[in-house]
Amino acid sequence: MKRIFLLTVLSLLASCMMSSDVVPTGPDSYMVSTVACPACGGTTKSVAMAYKEAGEFCMSQGKRLLKSSMTNDRWFNEAGETVLEFRCLGEDHPAFIRADERRDSDIIIEHR
């Protein structure tokens, strides 16, 4: 009886977090959707799962993740869904370089 109860609880916990497949939305653009119940971490866990899925997907292509947009929906008792739209870009891609604030510009603008 204890084993059945334990298996039931474990299956409920495992099913309270879900992630969609990564879906292409354009050239080098993708979307992933994740859901997590309150007991599993809710919205915070949903965001973390989305970034993890997207990051792993981009790394498998030898590229890096660049977030395009993200939406969060909070449901009853902090359960939540995250939809992350992102791009997988090489480190030398102009959009990726612009997104990195730490890099200095090689263009000097003078006002005379």
Protein backbone atom coordinates (compact mmCIF):
# COMPACT_ATOMS: atom_id res chain seq x y z
CA MET A 1 0.00 0.00 0.00
CA LYS A 2 2.85 2.37 0.83
CA ARG A 3 4.43 1.72 -2.55
CA ILE A 4 1.23 2.52 -4.41
CA PHE A 5 0.84 5.76 -2.44
CA LEU A 6 4.48 6.69 -3.06
CA LEU A 7 4.21 5.96 -6.79
CA THR A 8 1.03 8.02 -7.01
CA VAL A 9 2.65 10.99 -5.27
CA LEU A 10 5.77 10.76 -7.42
CA SER A 11 3.75 10.57 -10.63
CA LEU A 12 1.72 13.62 -9.60
CA LEU A 13 4.87 15.59 -8.85
CA ALA A 14 6.45 14.55 -12.12
CA SER A 15 3.37 15.54 -14.09
CA CYS A 16 3.09 18.98 -12.52
CA MET A 17 5.94 20.29 -14.68
CA MET A 18 5.63 20.16 -18.45
CA SER A 19 7.57 21.57 -21.34
CA SER A 20 6.61 21.75 -24.99
CA ASP A 21 8.94 20.84 -27.79
CA VAL A 22 10.98 23.70 -29.21
CA VAL A 23 9.02 25.03 -32.18
CA PRO A 24 10.63 26.96 -35.06
CA THR A 25 8.95 30.33 -35.70
CA GLY A 26 11.27 31.73 -38.38
CA PRO A 27 14.92 31.80 -39.46
CA ASP A 28 16.95 31.03 -36.32
CA SER A 29 13.84 31.88 -34.24
CA TYR A 30 12.09 29.48 -31.89
CA MET A 31 9.50 29.22 -29.14
CA VAL A 32 9.13 26.98 -26.09
CA SER A 33 6.32 26.84 -23.54
CA THR A 34 6.56 25.50 -19.99
CA VAL A 35 4.11 24.97 -17.13
CA ALA A 36 4.76 24.31 -13.44
CA CYS A 37 2.35 23.81 -10.54
CA PRO A 38 2.78 25.64 -7.20
CA ALA A 39 4.21 22.56 -5.45
CA CYS A 40 6.94 22.33 -8.08
CA GLY A 41 7.95 25.99 -7.98
CA GLY A 42 5.19 27.71 -9.95
CA THR A 43 6.03 30.60 -12.22
CA THR A 44 9.66 30.81 -11.08
CA LYS A 45 10.25 27.16 -12.00
CA SER A 46 8.41 27.63 -15.29
CA VAL A 47 10.76 30.48 -16.29
CA ALA A 48 13.83 28.47 -15.31
CA MET A 49 12.63 25.45 -17.28
CA ALA A 50 12.01 27.59 -20.39
CA TYR A 51 15.51 29.07 -20.28
CA LYS A 52 17.05 25.66 -19.68
CA GLU A 53 15.20 24.07 -22.63
CA ALA A 54 16.08 26.98 -24.93
CA GLY A 55 19.72 27.07 -23.83
CA GLU A 56 20.20 23.35 -24.35
CA PHE A 57 18.55 23.56 -27.76
CA CYS A 58 20.86 26.37 -28.90
CA MET A 59 23.95 24.68 -27.44
CA SER A 60 23.12 21.52 -29.40
CA GLN A 61 23.51 23.64 -32.56
CA GLY A 62 26.76 25.20 -31.37
CA LYS A 63 25.04 28.56 -30.90
CA ARG A 64 23.96 30.77 -28.02
CA LEU A 65 20.55 31.84 -26.76
CA LEU A 66 19.26 35.37 -27.35
CA LYS A 67 15.84 36.07 -25.81
CA SER A 68 13.36 37.80 -28.12
CA SER A 69 10.40 37.97 -25.74
CA MET A 70 8.88 36.20 -22.78
CA THR A 71 5.37 36.13 -21.36
CA ASN A 72 4.26 34.71 -18.03
CA ASP A 73 0.73 33.77 -17.02
CA ARG A 74 0.09 33.20 -13.34
CA TRP A 75 -2.79 30.98 -12.50
CA PHE A 76 -4.46 30.06 -9.26
CA ASN A 77 -2.09 29.77 -6.28
CA GLU A 78 1.06 30.77 -8.27
CA ALA A 79 0.90 28.00 -10.85
CA GLY A 80 2.26 29.45 -14.04
CA GLU A 81 3.06 29.17 -17.71
CA THR A 82 5.97 30.75 -19.54
CA VAL A 83 6.24 31.24 -23.28
CA LEU A 84 9.79 32.07 -24.34
CA GLU A 85 10.56 33.26 -27.85
CA PHE A 86 14.26 33.17 -28.64
CA ARG A 87 16.91 33.04 -31.32
CA CYS A 88 19.93 30.76 -31.62
CA LEU A 89 22.86 32.83 -32.86
CA GLY A 90 26.59 32.51 -33.22
CA GLU A 91 28.69 34.72 -30.98
CA ASP A 92 29.77 36.78 -33.99
CA HIS A 93 26.21 37.56 -35.16
CA PRO A 94 25.54 41.35 -35.11
CA ALA A 95 22.31 40.98 -33.09
CA PHE A 96 24.11 38.94 -30.46
CA ILE A 97 26.97 41.44 -30.27
CA ARG A 98 24.53 44.36 -29.82
CA ALA A 99 22.72 42.52 -27.04
CA ASP A 100 25.92 42.14 -25.06
CA GLU A 101 26.31 45.44 -23.19
CA ARG A 102 29.80 44.62 -21.98
CA ARG A 103 31.38 45.01 -25.40
CA ASP A 104 32.72 48.38 -26.43
CA SER A 105 31.64 49.84 -29.72
CA ASP A 106 34.21 50.17 -32.47
CA ILE A 107 32.37 53.22 -33.85
CA ILE A 108 33.23 56.68 -32.55
CA ILE A 109 30.67 59.43 -33.07
CA GLU A 110 31.90 62.98 -32.85
CA HIS A 111 29.57 65.94 -32.67
CA ARG A 112 31.19 69.08 -34.13
